[in-house]
Structures are given as C-alpha cells and as structure tokens.
Amino acid sequence: MKTATIPESGLESEIEAYEALKQDLEANHTGKWVLLKDRKLIDLYESFETAAQNAVRLYGRGPYLIRQVGAPPMILPASVMYQMSG
C-alpha cells in the first residue's frame, strides 16, 4: 500500500502557534474560525467561508491555517493531500 508524503508546507509552525493560543481562544472565542499566518493570529471569523475568502485575498494559496476554535483538527484523506502537494 502506497502512503502519501506531504511536503514541508510551513503549517507545522501555524499549528504550534494555534496550540499556544488555544486555551485563550477556547475560553473566549469557541465556535469562531481563526486565520493564522506566520505564527500570528490574523483575525477571527463567523464562518469558514469568510475566513477562507480573506485568507486567499490576503495570502493567495498559503500556507496559512484556518481552524474552528474548539473543534478537533481535521484529517484530510490522502487523495486531497496528494492534490494539495501537486
């Protein structure tokens, strides 16, 4: 069985930044969507769509992290990860 290899994307540092902010975010902003770029919290949003639109407008294809506060991390299928690396 073949496994997908994900190239270094820079998201590791964004995830670390989210984890550092997680306690405060969950205490004050559960349910909101956050956008992180360059280890900085850029903004909070009411919807994923708004966060994604602003992320693309500001940073193009990324990398950046969009995550819903309080939700478990999303695990993407290998087929999606493969498309992202191409």
C-alpha atoms as a PDB file:
ATOM      1  CA  MET A   1       0.000   0.000   0.000  1.00  0.00           C
ATOM      2  CA  LYS A   2       1.346   3.382  -1.003  1.00  0.00           C
ATOM      3  CA  THR A   3       1.348   6.223   1.513  1.00  0.00           C
ATOM      4  CA  ALA A   4       1.235   9.887   0.612  1.00  0.00           C
ATOM      5  CA  THR A   5       4.187  12.031   1.554  1.00  0.00           C
ATOM      6  CA  ILE A   6       3.269  15.586   2.377  1.00  0.00           C
ATOM      7  CA  PRO A   7       5.935  18.147   1.530  1.00  0.00           C
ATOM      8  CA  GLU A   8       7.028  20.607   4.215  1.00  0.00           C
ATOM      9  CA  SER A   9       4.290  23.174   3.971  1.00  0.00           C
ATOM     10  CA  GLY A  10       5.002  25.544   6.816  1.00  0.00           C
ATOM     11  CA  LEU A  11       1.786  24.550   8.544  1.00  0.00           C
ATOM     12  CA  GLU A  12       3.676  22.977  11.425  1.00  0.00           C
ATOM     13  CA  SER A  13       4.581  26.427  12.767  1.00  0.00           C
ATOM     14  CA  GLU A  14       0.989  27.644  12.314  1.00  0.00           C
ATOM     15  CA  ILE A  15      -0.308  24.633  14.243  1.00  0.00           C
ATOM     16  CA  GLU A  16       2.204  25.300  17.028  1.00  0.00           C
ATOM     17  CA  ALA A  17       1.052  28.929  17.164  1.00  0.00           C
ATOM     18  CA  TYR A  18      -2.588  27.804  17.379  1.00  0.00           C
ATOM     19  CA  GLU A  19      -1.739  25.406  20.204  1.00  0.00           C
ATOM     20  CA  ALA A  20      -0.038  28.247  22.104  1.00  0.00           C
ATOM     21  CA  LEU A  21      -3.207  30.380  21.768  1.00  0.00           C
ATOM     22  CA  LYS A  22      -5.680  27.530  22.185  1.00  0.00           C
ATOM     23  CA  GLN A  23      -6.567  27.995  25.865  1.00  0.00           C
ATOM     24  CA  ASP A  24      -7.396  31.690  25.467  1.00  0.00           C
ATOM     25  CA  LEU A  25      -9.206  31.123  22.168  1.00  0.00           C
ATOM     26  CA  GLU A  26     -11.362  28.343  23.613  1.00  0.00           C
ATOM     27  CA  ALA A  27     -12.176  30.428  26.691  1.00  0.00           C
ATOM     28  CA  ASN A  28     -13.242  33.464  24.678  1.00  0.00           C
ATOM     29  CA  HIS A  29     -13.980  32.506  21.076  1.00  0.00           C
ATOM     30  CA  THR A  30     -15.293  28.928  20.881  1.00  0.00           C
ATOM     31  CA  GLY A  31     -17.028  28.288  17.573  1.00  0.00           C
ATOM     32  CA  LYS A  32     -15.282  31.122  15.724  1.00  0.00           C
ATOM     33  CA  TRP A  33     -12.895  30.453  12.848  1.00  0.00           C
ATOM     34  CA  VAL A  34      -9.315  31.677  13.147  1.00  0.00           C
ATOM     35  CA  LEU A  35      -6.785  32.520  10.465  1.00  0.00           C
ATOM     36  CA  LEU A  36      -3.108  32.141  11.367  1.00  0.00           C
ATOM     37  CA  LYS A  37      -0.194  33.142   9.166  1.00  0.00           C
ATOM     38  CA  ASP A  38       3.492  33.443  10.068  1.00  0.00           C
ATOM     39  CA  ARG A  39       2.706  32.269  13.622  1.00  0.00           C
ATOM     40  CA  LYS A  40       0.316  35.226  14.108  1.00  0.00           C
ATOM     41  CA  LEU A  41      -3.421  35.308  14.692  1.00  0.00           C
ATOM     42  CA  ILE A  42      -4.670  37.379  11.765  1.00  0.00           C
ATOM     43  CA  ASP A  43      -8.381  37.525  12.598  1.00  0.00           C
ATOM     44  CA  LEU A  44     -11.482  35.741  13.895  1.00  0.00           C
ATOM     45  CA  TYR A  45     -14.435  34.928  11.628  1.00  0.00           C
ATOM     46  CA  GLU A  46     -18.018  33.753  11.972  1.00  0.00           C
ATOM     47  CA  SER A  47     -17.729  31.245   9.114  1.00  0.00           C
ATOM     48  CA  PHE A  48     -15.151  29.122   7.332  1.00  0.00           C
ATOM     49  CA  GLU A  49     -16.166  30.680   4.028  1.00  0.00           C
ATOM     50  CA  THR A  50     -15.361  34.210   5.231  1.00  0.00           C
ATOM     51  CA  ALA A  51     -12.048  33.083   6.727  1.00  0.00           C
ATOM     52  CA  ALA A  52     -11.095  31.284   3.518  1.00  0.00           C
ATOM     53  CA  GLN A  53     -12.068  34.220   1.287  1.00  0.00           C
ATOM     54  CA  ASN A  54      -9.963  36.611   3.347  1.00  0.00           C
ATOM     55  CA  ALA A  55      -7.047  34.174   3.503  1.00  0.00           C
ATOM     56  CA  VAL A  56      -6.990  33.787  -0.279  1.00  0.00           C
ATOM     57  CA  ARG A  57      -7.398  37.525  -0.810  1.00  0.00           C
ATOM     58  CA  LEU A  58      -4.535  38.337   1.577  1.00  0.00           C
ATOM     59  CA  TYR A  59      -2.138  35.428   1.009  1.00  0.00           C
ATOM     60  CA  GLY A  60      -3.103  33.547  -2.131  1.00  0.00           C
ATOM     61  CA  ARG A  61      -2.542  29.798  -1.841  1.00  0.00           C
ATOM     62  CA  GLY A  62      -0.796  29.999   1.508  1.00  0.00           C
ATOM     63  CA  PRO A  63       0.392  28.331   3.584  1.00  0.00           C
ATOM     64  CA  TYR A  64      -1.883  29.506   6.357  1.00  0.00           C
ATOM     65  CA  LEU A  65      -4.056  27.777   8.917  1.00  0.00           C
ATOM     66  CA  ILE A  66      -7.824  28.120   9.210  1.00  0.00           C
ATOM     67  CA  ARG A  67      -9.329  26.279  12.159  1.00  0.00           C
ATOM     68  CA  GLN A  68     -12.556  26.387  14.118  1.00  0.00           C
ATOM     69  CA  VAL A  69     -11.907  27.128  17.768  1.00  0.00           C
ATOM     70  CA  GLY A  70     -12.868  24.166  19.931  1.00  0.00           C
ATOM     71  CA  ALA A  71     -13.223  21.718  17.046  1.00  0.00           C
ATOM     72  CA  PRO A  72     -10.880  18.737  16.691  1.00  0.00           C
ATOM     73  CA  PRO A  73      -8.237  19.048  13.966  1.00  0.00           C
ATOM     74  CA  MET A  74      -9.484  17.975  10.540  1.00  0.00           C
ATOM     75  CA  ILE A  75      -7.815  14.942   8.980  1.00  0.00           C
ATOM     76  CA  LEU A  76      -7.826  15.078   5.203  1.00  0.00           C
ATOM     77  CA  PRO A  77      -7.906  11.947   3.048  1.00  0.00           C
ATOM     78  CA  ALA A  78      -4.724  11.052   1.176  1.00  0.00           C
ATOM     79  CA  SER A  79      -6.363  11.952  -2.152  1.00  0.00           C
ATOM     80  CA  VAL A  80      -6.879  15.541  -1.003  1.00  0.00           C
ATOM     81  CA  MET A  81      -3.366  15.770   0.420  1.00  0.00           C
ATOM     82  CA  TYR A  82      -1.964  14.471  -2.879  1.00  0.00           C
ATOM     83  CA  GLN A  83      -3.849  17.153  -4.826  1.00  0.00           C
ATOM     84  CA  MET A  84      -2.562  19.832  -2.442  1.00  0.00           C
ATOM     85  CA  SER A  85       1.062  18.844  -2.970  1.00  0.00           C
ATOM     86  CA  GLY A  86       0.822  18.861  -6.776  1.00  0.00           C
END
